Amino acid sequence: MLHVSCQPSIASPWIAMPPLRLGRLPSGLGTADLFVTITDDDRPVLRVDLYAGELSAPFKDAITWGQRVFVGYGNAVYVIAPQERSSSTIILGSYFGAFYAAKDFLLVASGEGLLRLSPRGEVIWRASELGIDGVLVSMIEDSLVKGEGEWDPQGGWRPFVLRLDSGELVL
């Protein structure tokens, strides 16, 4: 079973493993902003070095979902296929906020919107303009996504309701 971990530094055996480098790679590389390690039944599989560049990265998270690893950091979600040592990047347009995962769906919240991803990491739908400084999902029931977006920081939250299948705004 795949397991993922994020840390600000790494040690053995990871330090000797050639990394998959993602993000805004500086010309001289230098030290990554975040190290992601992926294991399969405690066996090291892949080390990923993430570079945020000059971007602010207030939140980070990494999850395994299906056969992929999803890492939210900076203004992007990185979709990693560990066995192939390959990845794709989904630019969010704002900072990464949180993952909301269930057996049948993966939602990604950013500072301004919400996305639904397929198990392969493809965007099924995007719901934009749900907030300007944070989007939170509070509940998913009856095929509806209920949450709040912050429109007037600090504390000016407004509710929203989306259809889970299409991302269409209901309220």
C-alpha atoms as a PDB file:
ATOM      1  CA  MET A   1       0.000   0.000   0.000  1.00  0.00           C
ATOM      2  CA  LEU A   2       1.315   3.434  -0.937  1.00  0.00           C
ATOM      3  CA  HIS A   3       2.147   5.874   1.833  1.00  0.00           C
ATOM      4  CA  VAL A   4       3.287   9.485   1.423  1.00  0.00           C
ATOM      5  CA  SER A   5       5.016  11.879   3.790  1.00  0.00           C
ATOM      6  CA  CYS A   6       6.066  15.546   3.537  1.00  0.00           C
ATOM      7  CA  GLN A   7       8.973  17.017   5.465  1.00  0.00           C
ATOM      8  CA  PRO A   8      11.292  20.049   5.354  1.00  0.00           C
ATOM      9  CA  SER A   9      14.441  17.851   5.248  1.00  0.00           C
ATOM     10  CA  ILE A  10      15.390  14.261   4.486  1.00  0.00           C
ATOM     11  CA  ALA A  11      17.783  11.631   5.768  1.00  0.00           C
ATOM     12  CA  SER A  12      18.925   8.132   4.799  1.00  0.00           C
ATOM     13  CA  PRO A  13      17.930   6.213   2.699  1.00  0.00           C
ATOM     14  CA  TRP A  14      16.211   9.080   0.872  1.00  0.00           C
ATOM     15  CA  ILE A  15      19.237  11.345   0.552  1.00  0.00           C
ATOM     16  CA  ALA A  16      20.954   8.844  -1.765  1.00  0.00           C
ATOM     17  CA  MET A  17      17.883   8.393  -3.980  1.00  0.00           C
ATOM     18  CA  PRO A  18      17.741  10.488  -7.189  1.00  0.00           C
ATOM     19  CA  PRO A  19      14.721  12.812  -6.881  1.00  0.00           C
ATOM     20  CA  LEU A  20      11.888  13.698  -9.184  1.00  0.00           C
ATOM     21  CA  ARG A  21      12.074  17.518  -9.129  1.00  0.00           C
ATOM     22  CA  LEU A  22       8.854  19.501  -9.479  1.00  0.00           C
ATOM     23  CA  GLY A  23       7.728  23.109  -9.238  1.00  0.00           C
ATOM     24  CA  ARG A  24       9.625  26.319  -9.973  1.00  0.00           C
ATOM     25  CA  LEU A  25      13.121  24.914 -10.357  1.00  0.00           C
ATOM     26  CA  PRO A  26      15.827  27.506  -9.664  1.00  0.00           C
ATOM     27  CA  SER A  27      18.783  27.597 -12.071  1.00  0.00           C
ATOM     28  CA  GLY A  28      21.203  26.290  -9.453  1.00  0.00           C
ATOM     29  CA  LEU A  29      18.635  23.890  -7.930  1.00  0.00           C
ATOM     30  CA  GLY A  30      19.726  24.311  -4.305  1.00  0.00           C
ATOM     31  CA  THR A  31      17.671  22.843  -1.492  1.00  0.00           C
ATOM     32  CA  ALA A  32      14.057  22.007  -2.200  1.00  0.00           C
ATOM     33  CA  ASP A  33      11.327  23.808  -0.249  1.00  0.00           C
ATOM     34  CA  LEU A  34       9.564  20.527   0.539  1.00  0.00           C
ATOM     35  CA  PHE A  35      10.568  16.880   0.358  1.00  0.00           C
ATOM     36  CA  VAL A  36       7.967  14.218  -0.402  1.00  0.00           C
ATOM     37  CA  THR A  37       8.750  10.558   0.221  1.00  0.00           C
ATOM     38  CA  ILE A  38       6.649   7.711  -1.126  1.00  0.00           C
ATOM     39  CA  THR A  39       6.814   4.159   0.179  1.00  0.00           C
ATOM     40  CA  ASP A  40       5.045   0.954  -0.773  1.00  0.00           C
ATOM     41  CA  ASP A  41       4.671  -1.368   2.233  1.00  0.00           C
ATOM     42  CA  ASP A  42       7.556   0.489   3.957  1.00  0.00           C
ATOM     43  CA  ARG A  43       9.813   0.046   0.890  1.00  0.00           C
ATOM     44  CA  PRO A  44      11.179   3.368  -0.456  1.00  0.00           C
ATOM     45  CA  VAL A  45       9.745   3.994  -3.923  1.00  0.00           C
ATOM     46  CA  LEU A  46      10.232   7.650  -4.848  1.00  0.00           C
ATOM     47  CA  ARG A  47      11.639  10.891  -3.503  1.00  0.00           C
ATOM     48  CA  VAL A  48      10.112  14.110  -4.829  1.00  0.00           C
ATOM     49  CA  ASP A  49      11.759  17.512  -4.324  1.00  0.00           C
ATOM     50  CA  LEU A  50       9.301  20.404  -4.599  1.00  0.00           C
ATOM     51  CA  TYR A  51      10.323  23.988  -5.269  1.00  0.00           C
ATOM     52  CA  ALA A  52       7.822  26.763  -4.543  1.00  0.00           C
ATOM     53  CA  GLY A  53      10.112  29.528  -5.777  1.00  0.00           C
ATOM     54  CA  GLU A  54       9.066  32.932  -4.552  1.00  0.00           C
ATOM     55  CA  LEU A  55       5.463  31.837  -4.080  1.00  0.00           C
ATOM     56  CA  SER A  56       3.925  31.839  -0.651  1.00  0.00           C
ATOM     57  CA  ALA A  57       2.862  28.345   0.412  1.00  0.00           C
ATOM     58  CA  PRO A  58       0.644  28.721   3.493  1.00  0.00           C
ATOM     59  CA  PHE A  59      -0.702  25.141   3.314  1.00  0.00           C
ATOM     60  CA  LYS A  60       0.577  21.789   2.150  1.00  0.00           C
ATOM     61  CA  ASP A  61      -0.794  18.271   2.099  1.00  0.00           C
ATOM     62  CA  ALA A  62      -0.136  14.962   0.387  1.00  0.00           C
ATOM     63  CA  ILE A  63      -2.424  11.976   0.006  1.00  0.00           C
ATOM     64  CA  THR A  64      -2.515   8.686  -1.811  1.00  0.00           C
ATOM     65  CA  TRP A  65      -5.684   8.112  -3.773  1.00  0.00           C
ATOM     66  CA  GLY A  66      -5.893   5.094  -6.010  1.00  0.00           C
ATOM     67  CA  GLN A  67      -2.523   4.457  -7.649  1.00  0.00           C
ATOM     68  CA  ARG A  68      -1.486   8.115  -7.549  1.00  0.00           C
ATOM     69  CA  VAL A  69      -0.040  10.505  -5.002  1.00  0.00           C
ATOM     70  CA  PHE A  70      -1.503  14.019  -4.888  1.00  0.00           C
ATOM     71  CA  VAL A  71       0.539  16.830  -3.358  1.00  0.00           C
ATOM     72  CA  GLY A  72      -0.906  20.294  -2.799  1.00  0.00           C
ATOM     73  CA  TYR A  73       1.747  22.983  -2.369  1.00  0.00           C
ATOM     74  CA  GLY A  74       2.103  26.607  -3.421  1.00  0.00           C
ATOM     75  CA  ASN A  75      -0.392  27.359  -6.181  1.00  0.00           C
ATOM     76  CA  ALA A  76      -0.499  23.838  -7.604  1.00  0.00           C
ATOM     77  CA  VAL A  77      -1.453  20.215  -7.162  1.00  0.00           C
ATOM     78  CA  TYR A  78       1.141  17.700  -8.303  1.00  0.00           C
ATOM     79  CA  VAL A  79      -0.215  14.363  -9.503  1.00  0.00           C
ATOM     80  CA  ILE A  80       2.479  11.716  -9.181  1.00  0.00           C
ATOM     81  CA  ALA A  81       2.512   8.183 -10.602  1.00  0.00           C
ATOM     82  CA  PRO A  82       5.227   6.675  -8.374  1.00  0.00           C
ATOM     83  CA  GLN A  83       5.827   3.463 -10.315  1.00  0.00           C
ATOM     84  CA  GLU A  84       6.363   5.393 -13.577  1.00  0.00           C
ATOM     85  CA  ARG A  85       8.302   8.235 -11.891  1.00  0.00           C
ATOM     86  CA  SER A  86       6.084  10.644 -13.788  1.00  0.00           C
ATOM     87  CA  SER A  87       3.913  13.576 -12.834  1.00  0.00           C
ATOM     88  CA  SER A  88       1.562  16.256 -14.042  1.00  0.00           C
ATOM     89  CA  THR A  89       0.801  19.652 -12.544  1.00  0.00           C
ATOM     90  CA  ILE A  90      -2.543  21.375 -12.075  1.00  0.00           C
ATOM     91  CA  ILE A  91      -2.185  25.131 -11.585  1.00  0.00           C
ATOM     92  CA  LEU A  92      -4.842  26.397  -9.199  1.00  0.00           C
ATOM     93  CA  GLY A  93      -4.802  30.149  -9.858  1.00  0.00           C
ATOM     94  CA  SER A  94      -4.518  30.742  -6.106  1.00  0.00           C
ATOM     95  CA  TYR A  95      -2.855  29.016  -3.180  1.00  0.00           C
ATOM     96  CA  PHE A  96      -3.585  25.366  -2.342  1.00  0.00           C
ATOM     97  CA  GLY A  97      -5.959  24.967   0.600  1.00  0.00           C
ATOM     98  CA  ALA A  98      -6.972  21.363   1.276  1.00  0.00           C
ATOM     99  CA  PHE A  99      -7.927  17.956  -0.093  1.00  0.00           C
ATOM    100  CA  TYR A 100     -11.333  16.382   0.512  1.00  0.00           C
ATOM    101  CA  ALA A 101     -11.153  12.718  -0.456  1.00  0.00           C
ATOM    102  CA  ALA A 102     -13.687   9.915  -0.549  1.00  0.00           C
ATOM    103  CA  LYS A 103     -13.790   6.591  -2.367  1.00  0.00           C
ATOM    104  CA  ASP A 104     -15.438   8.094  -5.459  1.00  0.00           C
ATOM    105  CA  PHE A 105     -14.049  11.620  -5.613  1.00  0.00           C
ATOM    106  CA  LEU A 106     -11.187  13.940  -4.740  1.00  0.00           C
ATOM    107  CA  LEU A 107     -11.908  17.621  -4.239  1.00  0.00           C
ATOM    108  CA  VAL A 108      -9.180  20.262  -4.090  1.00  0.00           C
ATOM    109  CA  ALA A 109      -9.839  23.587  -2.384  1.00  0.00           C
ATOM    110  CA  SER A 110      -7.782  26.649  -3.220  1.00  0.00           C
ATOM    111  CA  GLY A 111      -7.919  30.219  -2.010  1.00  0.00           C
ATOM    112  CA  GLU A 112     -10.591  30.980  -4.632  1.00  0.00           C
ATOM    113  CA  GLY A 113     -12.262  27.805  -5.835  1.00  0.00           C
ATOM    114  CA  LEU A 114     -12.803  24.078  -5.838  1.00  0.00           C
ATOM    115  CA  LEU A 115     -11.833  21.314  -8.291  1.00  0.00           C
ATOM    116  CA  ARG A 116     -12.924  17.724  -8.683  1.00  0.00           C
ATOM    117  CA  LEU A 117     -10.236  15.331  -9.924  1.00  0.00           C
ATOM    118  CA  SER A 118     -10.401  11.880 -11.485  1.00  0.00           C
ATOM    119  CA  PRO A 119      -8.291   9.002 -10.101  1.00  0.00           C
ATOM    120  CA  ARG A 120      -5.780   9.720 -12.918  1.00  0.00           C
ATOM    121  CA  GLY A 121      -5.518  13.360 -11.840  1.00  0.00           C
ATOM    122  CA  GLU A 122      -7.552  14.911 -14.629  1.00  0.00           C
ATOM    123  CA  VAL A 123      -9.765  17.885 -13.825  1.00  0.00           C
ATOM    124  CA  ILE A 124     -13.422  16.838 -14.049  1.00  0.00           C
ATOM    125  CA  TRP A 125     -14.710  20.296 -13.165  1.00  0.00           C
ATOM    126  CA  ARG A 126     -13.620  23.656 -11.724  1.00  0.00           C
ATOM    127  CA  ALA A 127     -15.785  25.928  -9.637  1.00  0.00           C
ATOM    128  CA  SER A 128     -14.178  29.363  -9.545  1.00  0.00           C
ATOM    129  CA  GLU A 129     -15.012  32.531  -7.650  1.00  0.00           C
ATOM    130  CA  LEU A 130     -16.211  30.827  -4.480  1.00  0.00           C
ATOM    131  CA  GLY A 131     -14.068  33.129  -2.345  1.00  0.00           C
ATOM    132  CA  ILE A 132     -11.016  35.399  -2.442  1.00  0.00           C
ATOM    133  CA  ASP A 133      -9.051  34.127   0.561  1.00  0.00           C
ATOM    134  CA  GLY A 134     -10.121  30.595   1.319  1.00  0.00           C
ATOM    135  CA  VAL A 135     -12.628  27.912   0.409  1.00  0.00           C
ATOM    136  CA  LEU A 136     -13.781  25.290   2.906  1.00  0.00           C
ATOM    137  CA  VAL A 137     -15.981  22.242   2.350  1.00  0.00           C
ATOM    138  CA  SER A 138     -18.190  21.515   5.342  1.00  0.00           C
ATOM    139  CA  MET A 139     -20.344  18.654   4.069  1.00  0.00           C
ATOM    140  CA  ILE A 140     -21.093  16.457   1.079  1.00  0.00           C
ATOM    141  CA  GLU A 141     -24.567  14.947   1.072  1.00  0.00           C
ATOM    142  CA  ASP A 142     -27.304  14.144  -1.437  1.00  0.00           C
ATOM    143  CA  SER A 143     -24.788  14.707  -4.281  1.00  0.00           C
ATOM    144  CA  LEU A 144     -24.237  18.291  -3.138  1.00  0.00           C
ATOM    145  CA  VAL A 145     -21.051  19.962  -1.910  1.00  0.00           C
ATOM    146  CA  LYS A 146     -21.728  22.476   0.841  1.00  0.00           C
ATOM    147  CA  GLY A 147     -19.133  24.936   2.018  1.00  0.00           C
ATOM    148  CA  GLU A 148     -18.049  28.514   2.539  1.00  0.00           C
ATOM    149  CA  GLY A 149     -15.806  30.977   0.769  1.00  0.00           C
ATOM    150  CA  GLU A 150     -14.118  33.899   2.462  1.00  0.00           C
ATOM    151  CA  TRP A 151     -14.931  37.159   0.658  1.00  0.00           C
ATOM    152  CA  ASP A 152     -14.047  39.759   3.259  1.00  0.00           C
ATOM    153  CA  PRO A 153     -10.963  38.721   5.237  1.00  0.00           C
ATOM    154  CA  GLN A 154     -10.925  38.303   8.190  1.00  0.00           C
ATOM    155  CA  GLY A 155     -14.137  36.422   8.767  1.00  0.00           C
ATOM    156  CA  GLY A 156     -16.434  37.429   5.890  1.00  0.00           C
ATOM    157  CA  TRP A 157     -17.519  33.907   4.931  1.00  0.00           C
ATOM    158  CA  ARG A 158     -20.400  33.221   2.533  1.00  0.00           C
ATOM    159  CA  PRO A 159     -22.025  29.812   1.993  1.00  0.00           C
ATOM    160  CA  PHE A 160     -22.151  27.979  -1.324  1.00  0.00           C
ATOM    161  CA  VAL A 161     -23.696  24.742  -2.612  1.00  0.00           C
ATOM    162  CA  LEU A 162     -22.405  22.907  -5.704  1.00  0.00           C
ATOM    163  CA  ARG A 163     -23.522  19.798  -7.563  1.00  0.00           C
ATOM    164  CA  LEU A 164     -20.931  17.058  -6.958  1.00  0.00           C
ATOM    165  CA  ASP A 165     -21.282  15.639 -10.480  1.00  0.00           C
ATOM    166  CA  SER A 166     -20.834  18.907 -12.404  1.00  0.00           C
ATOM    167  CA  GLY A 167     -19.559  21.627 -10.058  1.00  0.00           C
ATOM    168  CA  GLU A 168     -22.590  23.720 -11.022  1.00  0.00           C
ATOM    169  CA  LEU A 169     -23.409  26.380  -8.428  1.00  0.00           C
ATOM    170  CA  VAL A 170     -26.806  25.733  -6.809  1.00  0.00           C
ATOM    171  CA  LEU A 171     -26.576  28.422  -4.109  1.00  0.00           C
END
